[in-house]
Amino acid sequence: MSVRLPKGSRITGEGRKDLAAALVERYERGESIRSMAQDIGRSYGFVHGVLVESGVKMRSRGGATRGAAAEARRAAVTKG
């Protein structure tokens, strides 16, 4: 995605639905909320809120940082 949103602008309607769909896809591929927030120029809370609003089942904190699971997650994130 990598499109920085104007700081402080409201995102509503179709624009919000499109953004939510893109964020959900990235999150389900394993990308972190923090990295998505930095990428689009919004806060962690904003991205988290959009994901919750979209009905995403949130991962537990931390995630896999070592071993095969972590390698698989990193590979999935860099593929997309």
C-alpha atoms as a PDB file:
ATOM      1  CA  MET A   1       0.000   0.000   0.000  1.00  0.00           C
ATOM      2  CA  SER A   2       2.582   2.554   1.131  1.00  0.00           C
ATOM      3  CA  VAL A   3       0.353   5.587   0.575  1.00  0.00           C
ATOM      4  CA  ARG A   4       0.790   8.124   3.342  1.00  0.00           C
ATOM      5  CA  LEU A   5      -2.517   9.586   4.395  1.00  0.00           C
ATOM      6  CA  PRO A   6      -2.849  13.303   5.067  1.00  0.00           C
ATOM      7  CA  LYS A   7      -2.246  13.874   8.766  1.00  0.00           C
ATOM      8  CA  GLY A   8      -5.449  14.473  10.700  1.00  0.00           C
ATOM      9  CA  SER A   9      -7.765  13.958   7.739  1.00  0.00           C
ATOM     10  CA  ARG A  10     -10.968  11.993   8.219  1.00  0.00           C
ATOM     11  CA  ILE A  11     -11.237   8.806   6.249  1.00  0.00           C
ATOM     12  CA  THR A  12     -14.851   7.830   5.622  1.00  0.00           C
ATOM     13  CA  GLY A  13     -17.061   5.962   3.186  1.00  0.00           C
ATOM     14  CA  GLU A  14     -15.481   3.996   0.365  1.00  0.00           C
ATOM     15  CA  GLY A  15     -12.008   5.306   1.185  1.00  0.00           C
ATOM     16  CA  ARG A  16     -12.231   3.845   4.681  1.00  0.00           C
ATOM     17  CA  LYS A  17     -13.577   0.532   3.366  1.00  0.00           C
ATOM     18  CA  ASP A  18     -10.710   0.296   0.871  1.00  0.00           C
ATOM     19  CA  LEU A  19      -8.147   1.184   3.529  1.00  0.00           C
ATOM     20  CA  ALA A  20      -9.665  -1.339   5.960  1.00  0.00           C
ATOM     21  CA  ALA A  21      -9.566  -4.107   3.336  1.00  0.00           C
ATOM     22  CA  ALA A  22      -5.905  -3.401   2.593  1.00  0.00           C
ATOM     23  CA  LEU A  23      -4.960  -3.279   6.284  1.00  0.00           C
ATOM     24  CA  VAL A  24      -6.852  -6.501   7.035  1.00  0.00           C
ATOM     25  CA  GLU A  25      -5.039  -8.274   4.208  1.00  0.00           C
ATOM     26  CA  ARG A  26      -1.643  -7.074   5.428  1.00  0.00           C
ATOM     27  CA  TYR A  27      -2.428  -7.982   9.047  1.00  0.00           C
ATOM     28  CA  GLU A  28      -3.595 -11.467   8.075  1.00  0.00           C
ATOM     29  CA  ARG A  29      -0.331 -11.977   6.156  1.00  0.00           C
ATOM     30  CA  GLY A  30       1.480 -11.335   9.441  1.00  0.00           C
ATOM     31  CA  GLU A  31       2.495  -7.688   9.245  1.00  0.00           C
ATOM     32  CA  SER A  32       2.506  -5.799  12.536  1.00  0.00           C
ATOM     33  CA  ILE A  33       0.118  -2.998  13.371  1.00  0.00           C
ATOM     34  CA  ARG A  34       3.058  -0.779  14.215  1.00  0.00           C
ATOM     35  CA  SER A  35       4.724  -1.238  10.820  1.00  0.00           C
ATOM     36  CA  MET A  36       1.457  -0.605   8.958  1.00  0.00           C
ATOM     37  CA  ALA A  37       0.824   2.539  11.007  1.00  0.00           C
ATOM     38  CA  GLN A  38       4.286   3.865  10.230  1.00  0.00           C
ATOM     39  CA  ASP A  39       3.853   3.003   6.552  1.00  0.00           C
ATOM     40  CA  ILE A  40       0.581   4.929   6.133  1.00  0.00           C
ATOM     41  CA  GLY A  41       1.478   7.782   8.476  1.00  0.00           C
ATOM     42  CA  ARG A  42      -1.170   7.079  11.104  1.00  0.00           C
ATOM     43  CA  SER A  43      -1.085   6.049  14.743  1.00  0.00           C
ATOM     44  CA  TYR A  44      -1.035   2.537  16.126  1.00  0.00           C
ATOM     45  CA  GLY A  45      -4.444   3.246  17.683  1.00  0.00           C
ATOM     46  CA  PHE A  46      -5.953   4.282  14.366  1.00  0.00           C
ATOM     47  CA  VAL A  47      -4.801   1.111  12.592  1.00  0.00           C
ATOM     48  CA  HIS A  48      -5.847  -1.080  15.534  1.00  0.00           C
ATOM     49  CA  GLY A  49      -9.260   0.585  15.551  1.00  0.00           C
ATOM     50  CA  VAL A  50      -9.790   0.019  11.835  1.00  0.00           C
ATOM     51  CA  LEU A  51      -8.851  -3.658  12.218  1.00  0.00           C
ATOM     52  CA  VAL A  52     -11.188  -4.163  15.191  1.00  0.00           C
ATOM     53  CA  GLU A  53     -13.955  -2.315  13.344  1.00  0.00           C
ATOM     54  CA  SER A  54     -13.441  -4.753  10.460  1.00  0.00           C
ATOM     55  CA  GLY A  55     -13.942  -7.759  12.744  1.00  0.00           C
ATOM     56  CA  VAL A  56     -10.387  -9.087  12.579  1.00  0.00           C
ATOM     57  CA  LYS A  57      -9.383 -11.653  15.199  1.00  0.00           C
ATOM     58  CA  MET A  58      -6.396 -10.005  16.831  1.00  0.00           C
ATOM     59  CA  ARG A  59      -3.177 -11.949  17.406  1.00  0.00           C
ATOM     60  CA  SER A  60      -1.683 -12.207  20.854  1.00  0.00           C
ATOM     61  CA  ARG A  61       1.130  -9.830  21.670  1.00  0.00           C
ATOM     62  CA  GLY A  62       4.679 -10.584  20.646  1.00  0.00           C
ATOM     63  CA  GLY A  63       4.285 -13.150  17.911  1.00  0.00           C
ATOM     64  CA  ALA A  64       6.976 -15.597  16.841  1.00  0.00           C
ATOM     65  CA  THR A  65      10.408 -14.018  16.980  1.00  0.00           C
ATOM     66  CA  ARG A  66      12.585 -17.099  16.548  1.00  0.00           C
ATOM     67  CA  GLY A  67      12.636 -20.371  14.719  1.00  0.00           C
ATOM     68  CA  ALA A  68      10.694 -21.723  11.788  1.00  0.00           C
ATOM     69  CA  ALA A  69       7.451 -19.900  12.648  1.00  0.00           C
ATOM     70  CA  ALA A  70       9.200 -16.527  12.641  1.00  0.00           C
ATOM     71  CA  GLU A  71      10.966 -17.271   9.359  1.00  0.00           C
ATOM     72  CA  ALA A  72       7.681 -18.293   7.738  1.00  0.00           C
ATOM     73  CA  ARG A  73       5.976 -15.124   8.964  1.00  0.00           C
ATOM     74  CA  ARG A  74       8.780 -12.871   7.721  1.00  0.00           C
ATOM     75  CA  ALA A  75       8.761 -14.626   4.332  1.00  0.00           C
ATOM     76  CA  ALA A  76       4.986 -14.163   4.016  1.00  0.00           C
ATOM     77  CA  VAL A  77       5.220 -10.462   4.859  1.00  0.00           C
ATOM     78  CA  THR A  78       8.012  -9.750   2.389  1.00  0.00           C
ATOM     79  CA  LYS A  79       6.268 -11.667  -0.425  1.00  0.00           C
ATOM     80  CA  GLY A  80       3.238  -9.369  -0.529  1.00  0.00           C
END
